[in-house]
């Protein structure tokens, strides 16, 4: 069992993985900023892997981090508020 505390303040009150949300936004914004629309293909692949990582990380934390299951019950959205 992990001997850490669950953070449930700030952005963590809205989504369980706010850092990954920021990464997801930057992945999807990069092709637009660089005006390289072909780059959406690798960005979408990376976004799918990031979503899969959040699922695996949630499973791990449910098992290993005391209090995470209660936090997950209070904070419904894993990555994108209102969606996932």
C-alpha atoms as a PDB file:
ATOM      1  CA  UNK A   1       0.000   0.000   0.000  1.00  0.00           C
ATOM      2  CA  UNK A   2       1.298   3.453  -0.918  1.00  0.00           C
ATOM      3  CA  UNK A   3       1.844   5.684   2.111  1.00  0.00           C
ATOM      4  CA  UNK A   4       0.898   9.006   0.485  1.00  0.00           C
ATOM      5  CA  UNK A   5      -2.108  11.307   0.755  1.00  0.00           C
ATOM      6  CA  UNK A   6      -4.784  11.912  -1.838  1.00  0.00           C
ATOM      7  CA  UNK A   7      -4.834  15.513  -3.097  1.00  0.00           C
ATOM      8  CA  UNK A   8      -8.413  16.689  -3.575  1.00  0.00           C
ATOM      9  CA  UNK A   9      -8.075  20.469  -3.730  1.00  0.00           C
ATOM     10  CA  UNK A  10      -7.720  22.884  -6.627  1.00  0.00           C
ATOM     11  CA  UNK A  11      -8.075  21.290 -10.050  1.00  0.00           C
ATOM     12  CA  UNK A  12      -8.145  17.871  -8.398  1.00  0.00           C
ATOM     13  CA  UNK A  13     -11.683  18.711  -7.241  1.00  0.00           C
ATOM     14  CA  UNK A  14     -12.794  18.805 -10.901  1.00  0.00           C
ATOM     15  CA  UNK A  15     -10.816  15.962 -12.518  1.00  0.00           C
ATOM     16  CA  UNK A  16      -8.663  13.203 -11.081  1.00  0.00           C
ATOM     17  CA  UNK A  17      -5.790  13.726 -13.554  1.00  0.00           C
ATOM     18  CA  UNK A  18      -5.419  17.467 -14.283  1.00  0.00           C
ATOM     19  CA  UNK A  19      -1.815  17.105 -15.425  1.00  0.00           C
ATOM     20  CA  UNK A  20      -2.856  14.612 -18.068  1.00  0.00           C
ATOM     21  CA  UNK A  21      -5.661  16.966 -19.108  1.00  0.00           C
ATOM     22  CA  UNK A  22      -3.082  19.682 -19.759  1.00  0.00           C
ATOM     23  CA  UNK A  23      -0.962  17.241 -21.723  1.00  0.00           C
ATOM     24  CA  UNK A  24      -3.980  16.158 -23.760  1.00  0.00           C
ATOM     25  CA  UNK A  25      -4.826  19.762 -24.617  1.00  0.00           C
ATOM     26  CA  UNK A  26      -1.258  20.493 -25.682  1.00  0.00           C
ATOM     27  CA  UNK A  27      -1.101  17.328 -27.795  1.00  0.00           C
ATOM     28  CA  UNK A  28      -4.221  18.313 -29.684  1.00  0.00           C
ATOM     29  CA  UNK A  29      -3.251  21.986 -29.982  1.00  0.00           C
ATOM     30  CA  UNK A  30       0.217  21.326 -31.394  1.00  0.00           C
ATOM     31  CA  UNK A  31      -0.911  20.507 -34.973  1.00  0.00           C
ATOM     32  CA  UNK A  32      -3.027  23.681 -35.030  1.00  0.00           C
ATOM     33  CA  UNK A  33      -0.261  25.905 -33.692  1.00  0.00           C
ATOM     34  CA  UNK A  34       2.300  24.475 -36.107  1.00  0.00           C
ATOM     35  CA  UNK A  35      -0.167  24.547 -39.025  1.00  0.00           C
ATOM     36  CA  UNK A  36       0.678  20.881 -39.658  1.00  0.00           C
ATOM     37  CA  UNK A  37      -2.629  19.111 -39.900  1.00  0.00           C
ATOM     38  CA  UNK A  38      -0.981  15.801 -40.776  1.00  0.00           C
ATOM     39  CA  UNK A  39       0.340  15.867 -37.200  1.00  0.00           C
ATOM     40  CA  UNK A  40      -3.169  15.117 -35.910  1.00  0.00           C
ATOM     41  CA  UNK A  41      -2.568  11.427 -36.675  1.00  0.00           C
ATOM     42  CA  UNK A  42       0.295  10.933 -34.204  1.00  0.00           C
ATOM     43  CA  UNK A  43      -1.368  13.372 -31.781  1.00  0.00           C
ATOM     44  CA  UNK A  44      -4.551  11.305 -31.753  1.00  0.00           C
ATOM     45  CA  UNK A  45      -2.531   8.137 -31.186  1.00  0.00           C
ATOM     46  CA  UNK A  46      -0.696   9.785 -28.295  1.00  0.00           C
ATOM     47  CA  UNK A  47      -4.022  11.039 -26.895  1.00  0.00           C
ATOM     48  CA  UNK A  48      -5.463   7.504 -27.010  1.00  0.00           C
ATOM     49  CA  UNK A  49      -2.413   6.170 -25.154  1.00  0.00           C
ATOM     50  CA  UNK A  50      -2.771   8.934 -22.576  1.00  0.00           C
ATOM     51  CA  UNK A  51      -6.412   8.013 -21.975  1.00  0.00           C
ATOM     52  CA  UNK A  52      -5.427   4.345 -21.595  1.00  0.00           C
ATOM     53  CA  UNK A  53      -2.752   5.384 -19.094  1.00  0.00           C
ATOM     54  CA  UNK A  54      -5.331   7.194 -16.947  1.00  0.00           C
ATOM     55  CA  UNK A  55      -7.457   4.043 -16.849  1.00  0.00           C
ATOM     56  CA  UNK A  56      -4.500   1.908 -15.771  1.00  0.00           C
ATOM     57  CA  UNK A  57      -3.326   4.496 -13.251  1.00  0.00           C
ATOM     58  CA  UNK A  58      -6.797   4.728 -11.711  1.00  0.00           C
ATOM     59  CA  UNK A  59      -6.896   0.936 -11.286  1.00  0.00           C
ATOM     60  CA  UNK A  60      -3.493   0.974  -9.619  1.00  0.00           C
ATOM     61  CA  UNK A  61      -4.377   3.848  -7.296  1.00  0.00           C
ATOM     62  CA  UNK A  62      -7.690   2.214  -6.319  1.00  0.00           C
ATOM     63  CA  UNK A  63      -5.714  -0.828  -5.152  1.00  0.00           C
ATOM     64  CA  UNK A  64      -2.676   0.838  -3.653  1.00  0.00           C
ATOM     65  CA  UNK A  65      -3.503   4.337  -2.376  1.00  0.00           C
ATOM     66  CA  UNK A  66      -5.542   4.545   0.801  1.00  0.00           C
ATOM     67  CA  UNK A  67      -8.479   6.935   0.335  1.00  0.00           C
ATOM     68  CA  UNK A  68      -8.345   7.016  -3.466  1.00  0.00           C
ATOM     69  CA  UNK A  69     -11.575   5.056  -3.892  1.00  0.00           C
ATOM     70  CA  UNK A  70     -13.441   7.630  -1.774  1.00  0.00           C
ATOM     71  CA  UNK A  71     -11.824  10.443  -3.737  1.00  0.00           C
ATOM     72  CA  UNK A  72     -12.789   8.803  -7.043  1.00  0.00           C
ATOM     73  CA  UNK A  73     -16.382   8.495  -5.829  1.00  0.00           C
ATOM     74  CA  UNK A  74     -16.426  12.241  -5.015  1.00  0.00           C
ATOM     75  CA  UNK A  75     -14.591  13.326  -8.181  1.00  0.00           C
ATOM     76  CA  UNK A  76     -16.563  11.721 -10.984  1.00  0.00           C
ATOM     77  CA  UNK A  77     -14.514  12.817 -13.987  1.00  0.00           C
ATOM     78  CA  UNK A  78     -11.200  11.145 -14.661  1.00  0.00           C
ATOM     79  CA  UNK A  79      -9.829  13.391 -17.400  1.00  0.00           C
ATOM     80  CA  UNK A  80     -12.375  15.608 -19.178  1.00  0.00           C
ATOM     81  CA  UNK A  81     -15.146  17.260 -17.122  1.00  0.00           C
ATOM     82  CA  UNK A  82     -18.564  16.175 -18.351  1.00  0.00           C
ATOM     83  CA  UNK A  83     -17.139  13.575 -20.746  1.00  0.00           C
ATOM     84  CA  UNK A  84     -14.698  11.087 -19.196  1.00  0.00           C
END
